[in-house]
Amino acid sequence: MARPATGKTPLRNIRVPDELWSAAMAEAKGEGRSLTDVIVSDLHRYVNRRRRERGALDGESATDVVEQG
């Protein structure tokens, strides 16, 4: 679930095609989530996956580096 708004997370601006934004909003709403929650969760997964892949190549630990809030 989404965390309560604290006003401490910086706002970011991104460009997303209208059709994709609308579809993502509908999917998130259907799950009872905010689109911000979906985006943040997916960014965590992306960063952790890339770091694990890079770590595996560098011989580092494959543990998650970025924790989800």
C-alpha atoms as a PDB file:
ATOM      1  CA  MET A   1       0.000   0.000   0.000  1.00  0.00           C
ATOM      2  CA  ALA A   2       1.026   3.586  -0.458  1.00  0.00           C
ATOM      3  CA  ARG A   3       2.692   5.329   2.409  1.00  0.00           C
ATOM      4  CA  PRO A   4       1.071   8.433   3.933  1.00  0.00           C
ATOM      5  CA  ALA A   5       1.999  11.727   2.308  1.00  0.00           C
ATOM      6  CA  THR A   6       4.687  13.472   4.316  1.00  0.00           C
ATOM      7  CA  GLY A   7       5.693  16.221   1.932  1.00  0.00           C
ATOM      8  CA  LYS A   8       9.327  15.168   2.373  1.00  0.00           C
ATOM      9  CA  THR A   9       9.723  13.252  -0.876  1.00  0.00           C
ATOM     10  CA  PRO A  10      10.786  15.604  -3.685  1.00  0.00           C
ATOM     11  CA  LEU A  11       8.389  15.991  -6.580  1.00  0.00           C
ATOM     12  CA  ARG A  12       9.721  14.783  -9.951  1.00  0.00           C
ATOM     13  CA  ASN A  13       8.556  15.619 -13.447  1.00  0.00           C
ATOM     14  CA  ILE A  14       8.547  12.973 -16.167  1.00  0.00           C
ATOM     15  CA  ARG A  15       7.116  12.726 -19.668  1.00  0.00           C
ATOM     16  CA  VAL A  16       4.776   9.790 -20.287  1.00  0.00           C
ATOM     17  CA  PRO A  17       2.524   9.250 -23.318  1.00  0.00           C
ATOM     18  CA  ASP A  18      -1.137   9.947 -22.460  1.00  0.00           C
ATOM     19  CA  GLU A  19      -2.324   6.463 -23.433  1.00  0.00           C
ATOM     20  CA  LEU A  20       0.260   4.759 -21.212  1.00  0.00           C
ATOM     21  CA  TRP A  21      -0.467   7.134 -18.295  1.00  0.00           C
ATOM     22  CA  SER A  22      -4.215   6.489 -18.518  1.00  0.00           C
ATOM     23  CA  ALA A  23      -3.753   2.717 -18.720  1.00  0.00           C
ATOM     24  CA  ALA A  24      -1.344   2.735 -15.771  1.00  0.00           C
ATOM     25  CA  MET A  25      -3.734   4.896 -13.722  1.00  0.00           C
ATOM     26  CA  ALA A  26      -6.590   2.463 -14.415  1.00  0.00           C
ATOM     27  CA  GLU A  27      -4.473  -0.560 -13.442  1.00  0.00           C
ATOM     28  CA  ALA A  28      -3.235   1.086 -10.251  1.00  0.00           C
ATOM     29  CA  LYS A  29      -6.756   2.149  -9.302  1.00  0.00           C
ATOM     30  CA  GLY A  30      -7.958  -1.417  -9.886  1.00  0.00           C
ATOM     31  CA  GLU A  31      -5.325  -2.604  -7.401  1.00  0.00           C
ATOM     32  CA  GLY A  32      -6.235   0.089  -4.873  1.00  0.00           C
ATOM     33  CA  ARG A  33      -2.813   1.724  -5.298  1.00  0.00           C
ATOM     34  CA  SER A  34      -1.624   5.148  -6.323  1.00  0.00           C
ATOM     35  CA  LEU A  35       0.351   5.509  -9.507  1.00  0.00           C
ATOM     36  CA  THR A  36       3.173   6.961  -7.421  1.00  0.00           C
ATOM     37  CA  ASP A  37       3.252   3.744  -5.389  1.00  0.00           C
ATOM     38  CA  VAL A  38       3.421   1.668  -8.577  1.00  0.00           C
ATOM     39  CA  ILE A  39       6.197   3.798 -10.061  1.00  0.00           C
ATOM     40  CA  VAL A  40       8.284   3.813  -6.874  1.00  0.00           C
ATOM     41  CA  SER A  41       7.902   0.023  -6.474  1.00  0.00           C
ATOM     42  CA  ASP A  42       8.932  -0.545 -10.081  1.00  0.00           C
ATOM     43  CA  LEU A  43      11.926   1.788  -9.736  1.00  0.00           C
ATOM     44  CA  HIS A  44      13.058  -0.142  -6.642  1.00  0.00           C
ATOM     45  CA  ARG A  45      12.791  -3.422  -8.557  1.00  0.00           C
ATOM     46  CA  TYR A  46      14.658  -1.973 -11.534  1.00  0.00           C
ATOM     47  CA  VAL A  47      17.542  -0.565  -9.481  1.00  0.00           C
ATOM     48  CA  ASN A  48      17.890  -3.705  -7.355  1.00  0.00           C
ATOM     49  CA  ARG A  49      17.809  -6.001 -10.392  1.00  0.00           C
ATOM     50  CA  ARG A  50      20.452  -3.953 -12.206  1.00  0.00           C
ATOM     51  CA  ARG A  51      22.669  -3.837  -9.114  1.00  0.00           C
ATOM     52  CA  ARG A  52      22.322  -7.596  -8.603  1.00  0.00           C
ATOM     53  CA  GLU A  53      23.203  -8.208 -12.249  1.00  0.00           C
ATOM     54  CA  ARG A  54      26.198  -5.917 -12.033  1.00  0.00           C
ATOM     55  CA  GLY A  55      27.234  -7.409  -8.680  1.00  0.00           C
ATOM     56  CA  ALA A  56      27.048 -10.920 -10.085  1.00  0.00           C
ATOM     57  CA  LEU A  57      29.406  -9.829 -12.842  1.00  0.00           C
ATOM     58  CA  ASP A  58      31.732  -8.089 -10.387  1.00  0.00           C
ATOM     59  CA  GLY A  59      31.654 -10.925  -7.842  1.00  0.00           C
ATOM     60  CA  GLU A  60      29.771  -8.826  -5.265  1.00  0.00           C
ATOM     61  CA  SER A  61      26.887  -9.952  -3.086  1.00  0.00           C
ATOM     62  CA  ALA A  62      23.566 -10.224  -4.898  1.00  0.00           C
ATOM     63  CA  THR A  63      21.530  -8.684  -2.057  1.00  0.00           C
ATOM     64  CA  ASP A  64      19.114  -5.809  -2.607  1.00  0.00           C
ATOM     65  CA  VAL A  65      20.787  -2.467  -2.121  1.00  0.00           C
ATOM     66  CA  VAL A  66      17.714  -0.215  -2.248  1.00  0.00           C
ATOM     67  CA  GLU A  67      14.991  -0.968   0.287  1.00  0.00           C
ATOM     68  CA  GLN A  68      11.357  -0.366  -0.471  1.00  0.00           C
ATOM     69  CA  GLY A  69       9.605   2.036   1.882  1.00  0.00           C
END
